[in-house]
Amino acid sequence: MTGAAFGAMNGLRLGLKETQNMAWSKPRNVQVLNMVTRQGALWANTLGSLALLYSAFGVIIEKTRGAEDDLNTIAAGTMTGMLYKCTGGLRGIARGGLTGLTLTSLYALYNNWEHMKGSLIQQSL
């Protein structure tokens, strides 16, 4: 749903930008609508694929390790990025893995911020 909404908004932006020199008419409306549906489907498919890969890796890692923690999240995100960008060669794999690692690490940090802040306060006392 998020991908479709983001894609639709992006498609509206692109459609209006591409047809800015045209008068408001049926052809312009059709072009804008085509861009909205095309971009909405593209982004929904992309984010849906990423979510499926991430979930599958997360379950496999959890069952293999027997633990449910942030390491699973980070590993699943890294592996998702690597697999998603594997068609780009080694450089693409590295970029995808680094992107997945960065995003999931930031999420894990955000998710545990209060816990880490409390631990730092207790250590300083």
PDB file of N, CA and C in Angstrom:
ATOM      1  N   MET A   1       0.816  -1.190   0.000  1.00  0.00           N
ATOM      2  CA  MET A   1       0.000   0.000   0.000  1.00  0.00           C
ATOM      3  C   MET A   1       0.860   1.254   0.000  1.00  0.00           C
ATOM      4  N   THR A   2       1.926   1.235   0.779  1.00  0.00           N
ATOM      5  CA  THR A   2       2.806   2.398   0.848  1.00  0.00           C
ATOM      6  C   THR A   2       3.456   2.654  -0.500  1.00  0.00           C
ATOM      7  N   GLY A   3       3.893   1.583  -1.156  1.00  0.00           N
ATOM      8  CA  GLY A   3       4.511   1.727  -2.469  1.00  0.00           C
ATOM      9  C   GLY A   3       3.546   2.283  -3.493  1.00  0.00           C
ATOM     10  N   ALA A   4       2.303   1.813  -3.465  1.00  0.00           N
ATOM     11  CA  ALA A   4       1.308   2.306  -4.416  1.00  0.00           C
ATOM     12  C   ALA A   4       0.999   3.777  -4.159  1.00  0.00           C
ATOM     13  N   ALA A   5       0.885   4.155  -2.906  1.00  0.00           N
ATOM     14  CA  ALA A   5       0.597   5.559  -2.582  1.00  0.00           C
ATOM     15  C   ALA A   5       1.758   6.462  -2.977  1.00  0.00           C
ATOM     16  N   PHE A   6       2.983   6.040  -2.636  1.00  0.00           N
ATOM     17  CA  PHE A   6       4.150   6.834  -3.005  1.00  0.00           C
ATOM     18  C   PHE A   6       4.285   6.914  -4.519  1.00  0.00           C
ATOM     19  N   GLY A   7       4.088   5.788  -5.197  1.00  0.00           N
ATOM     20  CA  GLY A   7       4.188   5.768  -6.655  1.00  0.00           C
ATOM     21  C   GLY A   7       3.134   6.632  -7.317  1.00  0.00           C
ATOM     22  N   ALA A   8       1.917   6.618  -6.780  1.00  0.00           N
ATOM     23  CA  ALA A   8       0.849   7.451  -7.339  1.00  0.00           C
ATOM     24  C   ALA A   8       1.175   8.929  -7.183  1.00  0.00           C
ATOM     25  N   MET A   9       1.686   9.307  -6.027  1.00  0.00           N
ATOM     26  CA  MET A   9       2.057  10.719  -5.826  1.00  0.00           C
ATOM     27  C   MET A   9       3.225  11.110  -6.738  1.00  0.00           C
ATOM     28  N   ASN A  10       4.184  10.220  -6.877  1.00  0.00           N
ATOM     29  CA  ASN A  10       5.311  10.477  -7.766  1.00  0.00           C
ATOM     30  C   ASN A  10       4.838  10.544  -9.216  1.00  0.00           C
ATOM     31  N   GLY A  11       3.930   9.664  -9.595  1.00  0.00           N
ATOM     32  CA  GLY A  11       3.373   9.682 -10.944  1.00  0.00           C
ATOM     33  C   GLY A  11       2.594  10.960 -11.226  1.00  0.00           C
ATOM     34  N   LEU A  12       1.858  11.445 -10.248  1.00  0.00           N
ATOM     35  CA  LEU A  12       1.134  12.709 -10.411  1.00  0.00           C
ATOM     36  C   LEU A  12       2.110  13.851 -10.618  1.00  0.00           C
ATOM     37  N   ARG A  13       3.168  13.864  -9.824  1.00  0.00           N
ATOM     38  CA  ARG A  13       4.188  14.905  -9.960  1.00  0.00           C
ATOM     39  C   ARG A  13       4.834  14.853 -11.341  1.00  0.00           C
ATOM     40  N   LEU A  14       5.232  13.655 -11.773  1.00  0.00           N
ATOM     41  CA  LEU A  14       5.877  13.507 -13.073  1.00  0.00           C
ATOM     42  C   LEU A  14       4.910  13.827 -14.211  1.00  0.00           C
ATOM     43  N   GLY A  15       3.673  13.368 -14.080  1.00  0.00           N
ATOM     44  CA  GLY A  15       2.677  13.617 -15.119  1.00  0.00           C
ATOM     45  C   GLY A  15       2.391  15.096 -15.299  1.00  0.00           C
ATOM     46  N   LEU A  16       2.256  15.804 -14.194  1.00  0.00           N
ATOM     47  CA  LEU A  16       2.010  17.245 -14.276  1.00  0.00           C
ATOM     48  C   LEU A  16       3.224  17.980 -14.832  1.00  0.00           C
ATOM     49  N   LYS A  17       4.406  17.502 -14.491  1.00  0.00           N
ATOM     50  CA  LYS A  17       5.628  18.138 -14.983  1.00  0.00           C
ATOM     51  C   LYS A  17       5.781  17.923 -16.494  1.00  0.00           C
ATOM     52  N   GLU A  18       5.524  16.696 -16.956  1.00  0.00           N
ATOM     53  CA  GLU A  18       5.678  16.387 -18.375  1.00  0.00           C
ATOM     54  C   GLU A  18       4.634  17.072 -19.253  1.00  0.00           C
ATOM     55  N   THR A  19       3.476  17.345 -18.706  1.00  0.00           N
ATOM     56  CA  THR A  19       2.394  17.924 -19.509  1.00  0.00           C
ATOM     57  C   THR A  19       2.136  19.388 -19.173  1.00  0.00           C
ATOM     58  N   GLN A  20       3.094  20.049 -18.562  1.00  0.00           N
ATOM     59  CA  GLN A  20       2.872  21.430 -18.118  1.00  0.00           C
ATOM     60  C   GLN A  20       2.628  22.393 -19.272  1.00  0.00           C
ATOM     61  N   ASN A  21       3.110  22.077 -20.475  1.00  0.00           N
ATOM     62  CA  ASN A  21       2.905  22.973 -21.617  1.00  0.00           C
ATOM     63  C   ASN A  21       1.594  22.716 -22.351  1.00  0.00           C
ATOM     64  N   MET A  22       0.879  21.689 -21.946  1.00  0.00           N
ATOM     65  CA  MET A  22      -0.390  21.357 -22.592  1.00  0.00           C
ATOM     66  C   MET A  22      -1.542  22.045 -21.853  1.00  0.00           C
ATOM     67  N   ALA A  23      -2.569  22.383 -22.601  1.00  0.00           N
ATOM     68  CA  ALA A  23      -3.775  22.937 -21.980  1.00  0.00           C
ATOM     69  C   ALA A  23      -4.538  21.790 -21.298  1.00  0.00           C
ATOM     70  N   TRP A  24      -5.354  22.145 -20.285  1.00  0.00           N
ATOM     71  CA  TRP A  24      -6.148  21.118 -19.619  1.00  0.00           C
ATOM     72  C   TRP A  24      -7.160  20.572 -20.604  1.00  0.00           C
ATOM     73  N   SER A  25      -7.003  19.328 -20.944  1.00  0.00           N
ATOM     74  CA  SER A  25      -7.894  18.671 -21.898  1.00  0.00           C
ATOM     75  C   SER A  25      -7.862  17.175 -21.615  1.00  0.00           C
ATOM     76  N   LYS A  26      -8.659  16.430 -22.379  1.00  0.00           N
ATOM     77  CA  LYS A  26      -8.694  14.980 -22.173  1.00  0.00           C
ATOM     78  C   LYS A  26      -7.335  14.327 -22.418  1.00  0.00           C
ATOM     79  N   PRO A  27      -6.603  14.695 -23.483  1.00  0.00           N
ATOM     80  CA  PRO A  27      -5.294  14.054 -23.664  1.00  0.00           C
ATOM     81  C   PRO A  27      -4.342  14.290 -22.491  1.00  0.00           C
ATOM     82  N   ARG A  28      -4.347  15.477 -21.930  1.00  0.00           N
ATOM     83  CA  ARG A  28      -3.480  15.748 -20.784  1.00  0.00           C
ATOM     84  C   ARG A  28      -3.925  14.927 -19.578  1.00  0.00           C
ATOM     85  N   ASN A  29      -5.221  14.887 -19.342  1.00  0.00           N
ATOM     86  CA  ASN A  29      -5.748  14.096 -18.224  1.00  0.00           C
ATOM     87  C   ASN A  29      -5.373  12.625 -18.366  1.00  0.00           C
ATOM     88  N   VAL A  30      -5.469  12.110 -19.588  1.00  0.00           N
ATOM     89  CA  VAL A  30      -5.140  10.703 -19.830  1.00  0.00           C
ATOM     90  C   VAL A  30      -3.654  10.456 -19.596  1.00  0.00           C
ATOM     91  N   GLN A  31      -2.799  11.371 -20.054  1.00  0.00           N
ATOM     92  CA  GLN A  31      -1.362  11.205 -19.843  1.00  0.00           C
ATOM     93  C   GLN A  31      -1.006  11.228 -18.353  1.00  0.00           C
ATOM     94  N   VAL A  32      -1.619  12.145 -17.627  1.00  0.00           N
ATOM     95  CA  VAL A  32      -1.355  12.218 -16.186  1.00  0.00           C
ATOM     96  C   VAL A  32      -1.859  10.948 -15.494  1.00  0.00           C
ATOM     97  N   LEU A  33      -3.040  10.502 -15.842  1.00  0.00           N
ATOM     98  CA  LEU A  33      -3.594   9.289 -15.243  1.00  0.00           C
ATOM     99  C   LEU A  33      -2.742   8.066 -15.571  1.00  0.00           C
ATOM    100  N   ASN A  34      -2.250   7.978 -16.804  1.00  0.00           N
ATOM    101  CA  ASN A  34      -1.370   6.866 -17.174  1.00  0.00           C
ATOM    102  C   ASN A  34      -0.088   6.874 -16.349  1.00  0.00           C
ATOM    103  N   MET A  35       0.473   8.047 -16.136  1.00  0.00           N
ATOM    104  CA  MET A  35       1.699   8.153 -15.353  1.00  0.00           C
ATOM    105  C   MET A  35       1.438   7.763 -13.899  1.00  0.00           C
ATOM    106  N   VAL A  36       0.302   8.177 -13.358  1.00  0.00           N
ATOM    107  CA  VAL A  36      -0.050   7.830 -11.972  1.00  0.00           C
ATOM    108  C   VAL A  36      -0.171   6.317 -11.821  1.00  0.00           C
ATOM    109  N   THR A  37      -0.890   5.664 -12.717  1.00  0.00           N
ATOM    110  CA  THR A  37      -1.085   4.213 -12.590  1.00  0.00           C
ATOM    111  C   THR A  37       0.208   3.451 -12.864  1.00  0.00           C
ATOM    112  N   ARG A  38       1.003   3.911 -13.815  1.00  0.00           N
ATOM    113  CA  ARG A  38       2.260   3.239 -14.132  1.00  0.00           C
ATOM    114  C   ARG A  38       3.234   3.331 -12.956  1.00  0.00           C
ATOM    115  N   GLN A  39       3.392   4.527 -12.409  1.00  0.00           N
ATOM    116  CA  GLN A  39       4.315   4.705 -11.290  1.00  0.00           C
ATOM    117  C   GLN A  39       3.797   4.009 -10.030  1.00  0.00           C
ATOM    118  N   GLY A  40       2.492   4.057  -9.803  1.00  0.00           N
ATOM    119  CA  GLY A  40       1.917   3.387  -8.632  1.00  0.00           C
ATOM    120  C   GLY A  40       2.178   1.893  -8.662  1.00  0.00           C
ATOM    121  N   ALA A  41       1.967   1.274  -9.822  1.00  0.00           N
ATOM    122  CA  ALA A  41       2.208  -0.161  -9.949  1.00  0.00           C
ATOM    123  C   ALA A  41       3.691  -0.490  -9.819  1.00  0.00           C
ATOM    124  N   LEU A  42       4.537   0.340 -10.405  1.00  0.00           N
ATOM    125  CA  LEU A  42       5.978   0.105 -10.336  1.00  0.00           C
ATOM    126  C   LEU A  42       6.477   0.131  -8.897  1.00  0.00           C
ATOM    127  N   TRP A  43       6.097   1.160  -8.148  1.00  0.00           N
ATOM    128  CA  TRP A  43       6.567   1.278  -6.764  1.00  0.00           C
ATOM    129  C   TRP A  43       5.937   0.219  -5.860  1.00  0.00           C
ATOM    130  N   ALA A  44       4.676  -0.114  -6.089  1.00  0.00           N
ATOM    131  CA  ALA A  44       4.031  -1.156  -5.285  1.00  0.00           C
ATOM    132  C   ALA A  44       4.731  -2.499  -5.502  1.00  0.00           C
ATOM    133  N   ASN A  45       5.066  -2.802  -6.743  1.00  0.00           N
ATOM    134  CA  ASN A  45       5.760  -4.049  -7.053  1.00  0.00           C
ATOM    135  C   ASN A  45       7.153  -4.067  -6.425  1.00  0.00           C
ATOM    136  N   THR A  46       7.867  -2.967  -6.522  1.00  0.00           N
ATOM    137  CA  THR A  46       9.221  -2.895  -5.967  1.00  0.00           C
ATOM    138  C   THR A  46       9.214  -3.074  -4.456  1.00  0.00           C
ATOM    139  N   LEU A  47       8.409  -2.293  -3.765  1.00  0.00           N
ATOM    140  CA  LEU A  47       8.387  -2.384  -2.301  1.00  0.00           C
ATOM    141  C   LEU A  47       7.779  -3.700  -1.821  1.00  0.00           C
ATOM    142  N   GLY A  48       6.841  -4.242  -2.566  1.00  0.00           N
ATOM    143  CA  GLY A  48       6.284  -5.546  -2.221  1.00  0.00           C
ATOM    144  C   GLY A  48       7.326  -6.650  -2.329  1.00  0.00           C
ATOM    145  N   SER A  49       8.138  -6.593  -3.375  1.00  0.00           N
ATOM    146  CA  SER A  49       9.213  -7.575  -3.547  1.00  0.00           C
ATOM    147  C   SER A  49      10.233  -7.463  -2.427  1.00  0.00           C
ATOM    148  N   LEU A  50      10.600  -6.239  -2.085  1.00  0.00           N
ATOM    149  CA  LEU A  50      11.557  -6.033  -0.992  1.00  0.00           C
ATOM    150  C   LEU A  50      10.997  -6.545   0.332  1.00  0.00           C
ATOM    151  N   ALA A  51       9.721  -6.283   0.589  1.00  0.00           N
ATOM    152  CA  ALA A  51       9.109  -6.742   1.839  1.00  0.00           C
ATOM    153  C   ALA A  51       9.076  -8.266   1.909  1.00  0.00           C
ATOM    154  N   LEU A  52       8.773  -8.913   0.787  1.00  0.00           N
ATOM    155  CA  LEU A  52       8.738 -10.368   0.757  1.00  0.00           C
ATOM    156  C   LEU A  52      10.130 -10.954   1.002  1.00  0.00           C
ATOM    157  N   LEU A  53      11.147 -10.416   0.331  1.00  0.00           N
ATOM    158  CA  LEU A  53      12.518 -10.891   0.531  1.00  0.00           C
ATOM    159  C   LEU A  53      12.958 -10.693   1.977  1.00  0.00           C
ATOM    160  N   TYR A  54      12.703  -9.502   2.516  1.00  0.00           N
ATOM    161  CA  TYR A  54      13.102  -9.197   3.890  1.00  0.00           C
ATOM    162  C   TYR A  54      12.427 -10.152   4.875  1.00  0.00           C
ATOM    163  N   SER A  55      11.152 -10.393   4.701  1.00  0.00           N
ATOM    164  CA  SER A  55      10.419 -11.290   5.601  1.00  0.00           C
ATOM    165  C   SER A  55      10.943 -12.717   5.510  1.00  0.00           C
ATOM    166  N   ALA A  56      11.188 -13.178   4.287  1.00  0.00           N
ATOM    167  CA  ALA A  56      11.689 -14.539   4.106  1.00  0.00           C
ATOM    168  C   ALA A  56      13.060 -14.698   4.760  1.00  0.00           C
ATOM    169  N   PHE A  57      13.959 -13.753   4.506  1.00  0.00           N
ATOM    170  CA  PHE A  57      15.286 -13.818   5.136  1.00  0.00           C
ATOM    171  C   PHE A  57      15.170 -13.736   6.652  1.00  0.00           C
ATOM    172  N   GLY A  58      14.289 -12.890   7.148  1.00  0.00           N
ATOM    173  CA  GLY A  58      14.118 -12.758   8.592  1.00  0.00           C
ATOM    174  C   GLY A  58      13.670 -14.053   9.240  1.00  0.00           C
ATOM    175  N   VAL A  59      12.724 -14.734   8.616  1.00  0.00           N
ATOM    176  CA  VAL A  59      12.234 -16.007   9.163  1.00  0.00           C
ATOM    177  C   VAL A  59      13.321 -17.074   9.100  1.00  0.00           C
ATOM    178  N   ILE A  60      14.022 -17.151   7.975  1.00  0.00           N
ATOM    179  CA  ILE A  60      15.083 -18.154   7.836  1.00  0.00           C
ATOM    180  C   ILE A  60      16.186 -17.929   8.869  1.00  0.00           C
ATOM    181  N   ILE A  61      16.593 -16.683   9.044  1.00  0.00           N
ATOM    182  CA  ILE A  61      17.652 -16.385  10.011  1.00  0.00           C
ATOM    183  C   ILE A  61      17.190 -16.681  11.430  1.00  0.00           C
ATOM    184  N   GLU A  62      15.944 -16.310  11.744  1.00  0.00           N
ATOM    185  CA  GLU A  62      15.425 -16.575  13.093  1.00  0.00           C
ATOM    186  C   GLU A  62      15.365 -18.066  13.381  1.00  0.00           C
ATOM    187  N   LYS A  63      14.889 -18.852  12.422  1.00  0.00           N
ATOM    188  CA  LYS A  63      14.800 -20.309  12.637  1.00  0.00           C
ATOM    189  C   LYS A  63      16.198 -20.929  12.731  1.00  0.00           C
ATOM    190  N   THR A  64      17.147 -20.408  11.958  1.00  0.00           N
ATOM    191  CA  THR A  64      18.504 -20.944  11.985  1.00  0.00           C
ATOM    192  C   THR A  64      19.210 -20.610  13.292  1.00  0.00           C
ATOM    193  N   ARG A  65      19.116 -19.370  13.729  1.00  0.00           N
ATOM    194  CA  ARG A  65      19.804 -18.928  14.946  1.00  0.00           C
ATOM    195  C   ARG A  65      19.059 -19.312  16.216  1.00  0.00           C
ATOM    196  N   GLY A  66      17.744 -19.426  16.123  1.00  0.00           N
ATOM    197  CA  GLY A  66      16.948 -19.726  17.305  1.00  0.00           C
ATOM    198  C   GLY A  66      16.770 -18.531  18.221  1.00  0.00           C
ATOM    199  N   ALA A  67      16.985 -17.331  17.685  1.00  0.00           N
ATOM    200  CA  ALA A  67      16.854 -16.110  18.487  1.00  0.00           C
ATOM    201  C   ALA A  67      16.138 -15.053  17.644  1.00  0.00           C
ATOM    202  N   GLU A  68      15.465 -14.168  18.361  1.00  0.00           N
ATOM    203  CA  GLU A  68      14.778 -13.066  17.690  1.00  0.00           C
ATOM    204  C   GLU A  68      15.339 -11.762  18.258  1.00  0.00           C
ATOM    205  N   ASP A  69      16.257 -11.143  17.505  1.00  0.00           N
ATOM    206  CA  ASP A  69      16.885  -9.923  17.978  1.00  0.00           C
ATOM    207  C   ASP A  69      17.227  -9.001  16.804  1.00  0.00           C
ATOM    208  N   ASP A  70      17.923  -7.931  17.108  1.00  0.00           N
ATOM    209  CA  ASP A  70      18.243  -6.940  16.086  1.00  0.00           C
ATOM    210  C   ASP A  70      19.271  -7.440  15.087  1.00  0.00           C
ATOM    211  N   LEU A  71      20.065  -8.405  15.464  1.00  0.00           N
ATOM    212  CA  LEU A  71      21.024  -8.969  14.517  1.00  0.00           C
ATOM    213  C   LEU A  71      20.296  -9.617  13.344  1.00  0.00           C
ATOM    214  N   ASN A  72      19.176 -10.263  13.618  1.00  0.00           N
ATOM    215  CA  ASN A  72      18.364 -10.842  12.547  1.00  0.00           C
ATOM    216  C   ASN A  72      17.867  -9.749  11.600  1.00  0.00           C
ATOM    217  N   THR A  73      17.413  -8.642  12.174  1.00  0.00           N
ATOM    218  CA  THR A  73      16.906  -7.533  11.374  1.00  0.00           C
ATOM    219  C   THR A  73      17.986  -6.992  10.453  1.00  0.00           C
ATOM    220  N   ILE A  74      19.156  -6.765  11.005  1.00  0.00           N
ATOM    221  CA  ILE A  74      20.257  -6.201  10.227  1.00  0.00           C
ATOM    222  C   ILE A  74      20.727  -7.189   9.158  1.00  0.00           C
ATOM    223  N   ALA A  75      20.840  -8.463   9.510  1.00  0.00           N
ATOM    224  CA  ALA A  75      21.278  -9.467   8.542  1.00  0.00           C
ATOM    225  C   ALA A  75      20.251  -9.627   7.423  1.00  0.00           C
ATOM    226  N   ALA A  76      18.972  -9.645   7.778  1.00  0.00           N
ATOM    227  CA  ALA A  76      17.928  -9.788   6.767  1.00  0.00           C
ATOM    228  C   ALA A  76      17.909  -8.582   5.819  1.00  0.00           C
ATOM    229  N   GLY A  77      18.081  -7.390   6.364  1.00  0.00           N
ATOM    230  CA  GLY A  77      18.121  -6.198   5.525  1.00  0.00           C
ATOM    231  C   GLY A  77      19.312  -6.191   4.600  1.00  0.00           C
ATOM    232  N   THR A  78      20.457  -6.597   5.097  1.00  0.00           N
ATOM    233  CA  THR A  78      21.666  -6.655   4.275  1.00  0.00           C
ATOM    234  C   THR A  78      21.516  -7.687   3.161  1.00  0.00           C
ATOM    235  N   MET A  79      21.031  -8.851   3.502  1.00  0.00           N
ATOM    236  CA  MET A  79      20.856  -9.904   2.498  1.00  0.00           C
ATOM    237  C   MET A  79      19.793  -9.528   1.465  1.00  0.00           C
ATOM    238  N   THR A  80      18.739  -8.838   1.903  1.00  0.00           N
ATOM    239  CA  THR A  80      17.713  -8.388   0.974  1.00  0.00           C
ATOM    240  C   THR A  80      18.297  -7.418  -0.038  1.00  0.00           C
ATOM    241  N   GLY A  81      19.060  -6.450   0.441  1.00  0.00           N
ATOM    242  CA  GLY A  81      19.682  -5.492  -0.465  1.00  0.00           C
ATOM    243  C   GLY A  81      20.637  -6.156  -1.432  1.00  0.00           C
ATOM    244  N   MET A  82      21.401  -7.129  -0.944  1.00  0.00           N
ATOM    245  CA  MET A  82      22.349  -7.823  -1.808  1.00  0.00           C
ATOM    246  C   MET A  82      21.634  -8.623  -2.892  1.00  0.00           C
ATOM    247  N   LEU A  83      20.588  -9.354  -2.513  1.00  0.00           N
ATOM    248  CA  LEU A  83      19.869 -10.162  -3.498  1.00  0.00           C
ATOM    249  C   LEU A  83      19.098  -9.289  -4.480  1.00  0.00           C
ATOM    250  N   TYR A  84      18.509  -8.216  -3.991  1.00  0.00           N
ATOM    251  CA  TYR A  84      17.708  -7.358  -4.863  1.00  0.00           C
ATOM    252  C   TYR A  84      18.577  -6.696  -5.929  1.00  0.00           C
ATOM    253  N   LYS A  85      19.803  -6.355  -5.581  1.00  0.00           N
ATOM    254  CA  LYS A  85      20.687  -5.677  -6.530  1.00  0.00           C
ATOM    255  C   LYS A  85      21.722  -6.612  -7.160  1.00  0.00           C
ATOM    256  N   CYS A  86      21.524  -7.920  -7.067  1.00  0.00           N
ATOM    257  CA  CYS A  86      22.520  -8.862  -7.569  1.00  0.00           C
ATOM    258  C   CYS A  86      22.677  -8.826  -9.088  1.00  0.00           C
ATOM    259  N   THR A  87      21.731  -8.284  -9.813  1.00  0.00           N
ATOM    260  CA  THR A  87      21.864  -8.207 -11.269  1.00  0.00           C
ATOM    261  C   THR A  87      22.854  -7.131 -11.687  1.00  0.00           C
ATOM    262  N   GLY A  88      23.284  -6.290 -10.771  1.00  0.00           N
ATOM    263  CA  GLY A  88      24.226  -5.217 -11.074  1.00  0.00           C
ATOM    264  C   GLY A  88      25.676  -5.605 -10.876  1.00  0.00           C
ATOM    265  N   GLY A  89      25.977  -6.893 -10.748  1.00  0.00           N
ATOM    266  CA  GLY A  89      27.348  -7.328 -10.551  1.00  0.00           C
ATOM    267  C   GLY A  89      27.796  -7.130  -9.114  1.00  0.00           C
ATOM    268  N   LEU A  90      29.103  -7.278  -8.909  1.00  0.00           N
ATOM    269  CA  LEU A  90      29.642  -7.175  -7.553  1.00  0.00           C
ATOM    270  C   LEU A  90      29.449  -5.783  -6.965  1.00  0.00           C
ATOM    271  N   ARG A  91      29.595  -4.777  -7.792  1.00  0.00           N
ATOM    272  CA  ARG A  91      29.397  -3.407  -7.310  1.00  0.00           C
ATOM    273  C   ARG A  91      27.939  -3.194  -6.885  1.00  0.00           C
ATOM    274  N   GLY A  92      27.001  -3.719  -7.652  1.00  0.00           N
ATOM    275  CA  GLY A  92      25.592  -3.615  -7.294  1.00  0.00           C
ATOM    276  C   GLY A  92      25.265  -4.365  -6.022  1.00  0.00           C
ATOM    277  N   ILE A  93      25.860  -5.550  -5.878  1.00  0.00           N
ATOM    278  CA  ILE A  93      25.650  -6.333  -4.656  1.00  0.00           C
ATOM    279  C   ILE A  93      26.172  -5.570  -3.449  1.00  0.00           C
ATOM    280  N   ALA A  94      27.351  -4.981  -3.598  1.00  0.00           N
ATOM    281  CA  ALA A  94      27.931  -4.222  -2.485  1.00  0.00           C
ATOM    282  C   ALA A  94      27.067  -3.014  -2.140  1.00  0.00           C
ATOM    283  N   ARG A  95      26.603  -2.292  -3.145  1.00  0.00           N
ATOM    284  CA  ARG A  95      25.746  -1.124  -2.883  1.00  0.00           C
ATOM    285  C   ARG A  95      24.427  -1.537  -2.240  1.00  0.00           C
ATOM    286  N   GLY A  96      23.813  -2.593  -2.764  1.00  0.00           N
ATOM    287  CA  GLY A  96      22.552  -3.063  -2.188  1.00  0.00           C
ATOM    288  C   GLY A  96      22.716  -3.536  -0.758  1.00  0.00           C
ATOM    289  N   GLY A  97      23.787  -4.282  -0.505  1.00  0.00           N
ATOM    290  CA  GLY A  97      24.048  -4.747   0.856  1.00  0.00           C
ATOM    291  C   GLY A  97      24.316  -3.605   1.810  1.00  0.00           C
ATOM    292  N   LEU A  98      25.094  -2.623   1.356  1.00  0.00           N
ATOM    293  CA  LEU A  98      25.389  -1.465   2.197  1.00  0.00           C
ATOM    294  C   LEU A  98      24.130  -0.647   2.480  1.00  0.00           C
ATOM    295  N   THR A  99      23.274  -0.508   1.473  1.00  0.00           N
ATOM    296  CA  THR A  99      22.013   0.211   1.672  1.00  0.00           C
ATOM    297  C   THR A  99      21.130  -0.520   2.677  1.00  0.00           C
ATOM    298  N   GLY A 100      20.991  -1.835   2.511  1.00  0.00           N
ATOM    299  CA  GLY A 100      20.194  -2.625   3.449  1.00  0.00           C
ATOM    300  C   GLY A 100      20.765  -2.586   4.852  1.00  0.00           C
ATOM    301  N   LEU A 101      22.086  -2.688   4.954  1.00  0.00           N
ATOM    302  CA  LEU A 101      22.755  -2.628   6.253  1.00  0.00           C
ATOM    303  C   LEU A 101      22.515  -1.284   6.926  1.00  0.00           C
ATOM    304  N   THR A 102      22.644  -0.212   6.162  1.00  0.00           N
ATOM    305  CA  THR A 102      22.460   1.130   6.721  1.00  0.00           C
ATOM    306  C   THR A 102      21.027   1.349   7.193  1.00  0.00           C
ATOM    307  N   LEU A 103      20.064   1.022   6.335  1.00  0.00           N
ATOM    308  CA  LEU A 103      18.661   1.259   6.686  1.00  0.00           C
ATOM    309  C   LEU A 103      18.223   0.427   7.887  1.00  0.00           C
ATOM    310  N   THR A 104      18.587  -0.839   7.911  1.00  0.00           N
ATOM    311  CA  THR A 104      18.154  -1.675   9.032  1.00  0.00           C
ATOM    312  C   THR A 104      18.926  -1.354  10.312  1.00  0.00           C
ATOM    313  N   SER A 105      20.177  -0.918  10.183  1.00  0.00           N
ATOM    314  CA  SER A 105      20.929  -0.491  11.369  1.00  0.00           C
ATOM    315  C   SER A 105      20.313   0.764  11.977  1.00  0.00           C
ATOM    316  N   LEU A 106      19.923   1.706  11.118  1.00  0.00           N
ATOM    317  CA  LEU A 106      19.256   2.909  11.616  1.00  0.00           C
ATOM    318  C   LEU A 106      17.937   2.564  12.292  1.00  0.00           C
ATOM    319  N   TYR A 107      17.199   1.615  11.710  1.00  0.00           N
ATOM    320  CA  TYR A 107      15.942   1.184  12.322  1.00  0.00           C
ATOM    321  C   TYR A 107      16.199   0.532  13.684  1.00  0.00           C
ATOM    322  N   ALA A 108      17.197  -0.345  13.759  1.00  0.00           N
ATOM    323  CA  ALA A 108      17.514  -1.012  15.033  1.00  0.00           C
ATOM    324  C   ALA A 108      17.954   0.010  16.075  1.00  0.00           C
ATOM    325  N   LEU A 109      18.729   0.997  15.656  1.00  0.00           N
ATOM    326  CA  LEU A 109      19.161   2.045  16.575  1.00  0.00           C
ATOM    327  C   LEU A 109      17.965   2.847  17.083  1.00  0.00           C
ATOM    328  N   TYR A 110      17.077   3.223  16.178  1.00  0.00           N
ATOM    329  CA  TYR A 110      15.870   3.959  16.558  1.00  0.00           C
ATOM    330  C   TYR A 110      14.983   3.124  17.479  1.00  0.00           C
ATOM    331  N   ASN A 111      14.852   1.858  17.162  1.00  0.00           N
ATOM    332  CA  ASN A 111      13.985   0.955  17.918  1.00  0.00           C
ATOM    333  C   ASN A 111      14.490   0.746  19.345  1.00  0.00           C
ATOM    334  N   ASN A 112      15.796   0.848  19.554  1.00  0.00           N
ATOM    335  CA  ASN A 112      16.386   0.598  20.872  1.00  0.00           C
ATOM    336  C   ASN A 112      16.931   1.858  21.524  1.00  0.00           C
ATOM    337  N   TRP A 113      16.564   3.018  21.034  1.00  0.00           N
ATOM    338  CA  TRP A 113      17.125   4.271  21.528  1.00  0.00           C
ATOM    339  C   TRP A 113      16.883   4.470  23.022  1.00  0.00           C
ATOM    340  N   GLU A 114      15.679   4.242  23.483  1.00  0.00           N
ATOM    341  CA  GLU A 114      15.355   4.441  24.908  1.00  0.00           C
ATOM    342  C   GLU A 114      16.143   3.461  25.787  1.00  0.00           C
ATOM    343  N   HIS A 115      16.267   2.239  25.340  1.00  0.00           N
ATOM    344  CA  HIS A 115      17.023   1.231  26.092  1.00  0.00           C
ATOM    345  C   HIS A 115      18.495   1.620  26.182  1.00  0.00           C
ATOM    346  N   MET A 116      19.051   2.072  25.057  1.00  0.00           N
ATOM    347  CA  MET A 116      20.466   2.470  25.050  1.00  0.00           C
ATOM    348  C   MET A 116      20.690   3.722  25.887  1.00  0.00           C
ATOM    349  N   LYS A 117      19.773   4.654  25.832  1.00  0.00           N
ATOM    350  CA  LYS A 117      19.892   5.871  26.617  1.00  0.00           C
ATOM    351  C   LYS A 117      19.855   5.549  28.111  1.00  0.00           C
ATOM    352  N   GLY A 118      18.969   4.635  28.501  1.00  0.00           N
ATOM    353  CA  GLY A 118      18.889   4.216  29.893  1.00  0.00           C
ATOM    354  C   GLY A 118      20.148   3.504  30.357  1.00  0.00           C
ATOM    355  N   SER A 119      20.743   2.690  29.492  1.00  0.00           N
ATOM    356  CA  SER A 119      21.987   1.998  29.829  1.00  0.00           C
ATOM    357  C   SER A 119      23.135   2.969  30.000  1.00  0.00           C
ATOM    358  N   LEU A 120      23.204   3.992  29.158  1.00  0.00           N
ATOM    359  CA  LEU A 120      24.280   4.980  29.271  1.00  0.00           C
ATOM    360  C   LEU A 120      24.149   5.795  30.563  1.00  0.00           C
ATOM    361  N   ILE A 121      22.924   6.113  30.958  1.00  0.00           N
ATOM    362  CA  ILE A 121      22.708   6.863  32.190  1.00  0.00           C
ATOM    363  C   ILE A 121      23.127   6.028  33.396  1.00  0.00           C
ATOM    364  N   GLN A 122      22.783   4.738  33.397  1.00  0.00           N
ATOM    365  CA  GLN A 122      23.143   3.874  34.516  1.00  0.00           C
ATOM    366  C   GLN A 122      24.653   3.671  34.593  1.00  0.00           C
ATOM    367  N   GLN A 123      25.334   3.609  33.465  1.00  0.00           N
ATOM    368  CA  GLN A 123      26.792   3.427  33.473  1.00  0.00           C
ATOM    369  C   GLN A 123      27.494   4.685  33.989  1.00  0.00           C
ATOM    370  N   SER A 124      26.929   5.849  33.717  1.00  0.00           N
ATOM    371  CA  SER A 124      27.586   7.084  34.151  1.00  0.00           C
ATOM    372  C   SER A 124      27.414   7.330  35.652  1.00  0.00           C
ATOM    373  N   LEU A 125      26.442   6.675  36.280  1.00  0.00           N
ATOM    374  CA  LEU A 125      26.243   6.845  37.715  1.00  0.00           C
ATOM    375  C   LEU A 125      27.205   5.994  38.431  1.00  0.00           C
TER     376      LEU A 125
END
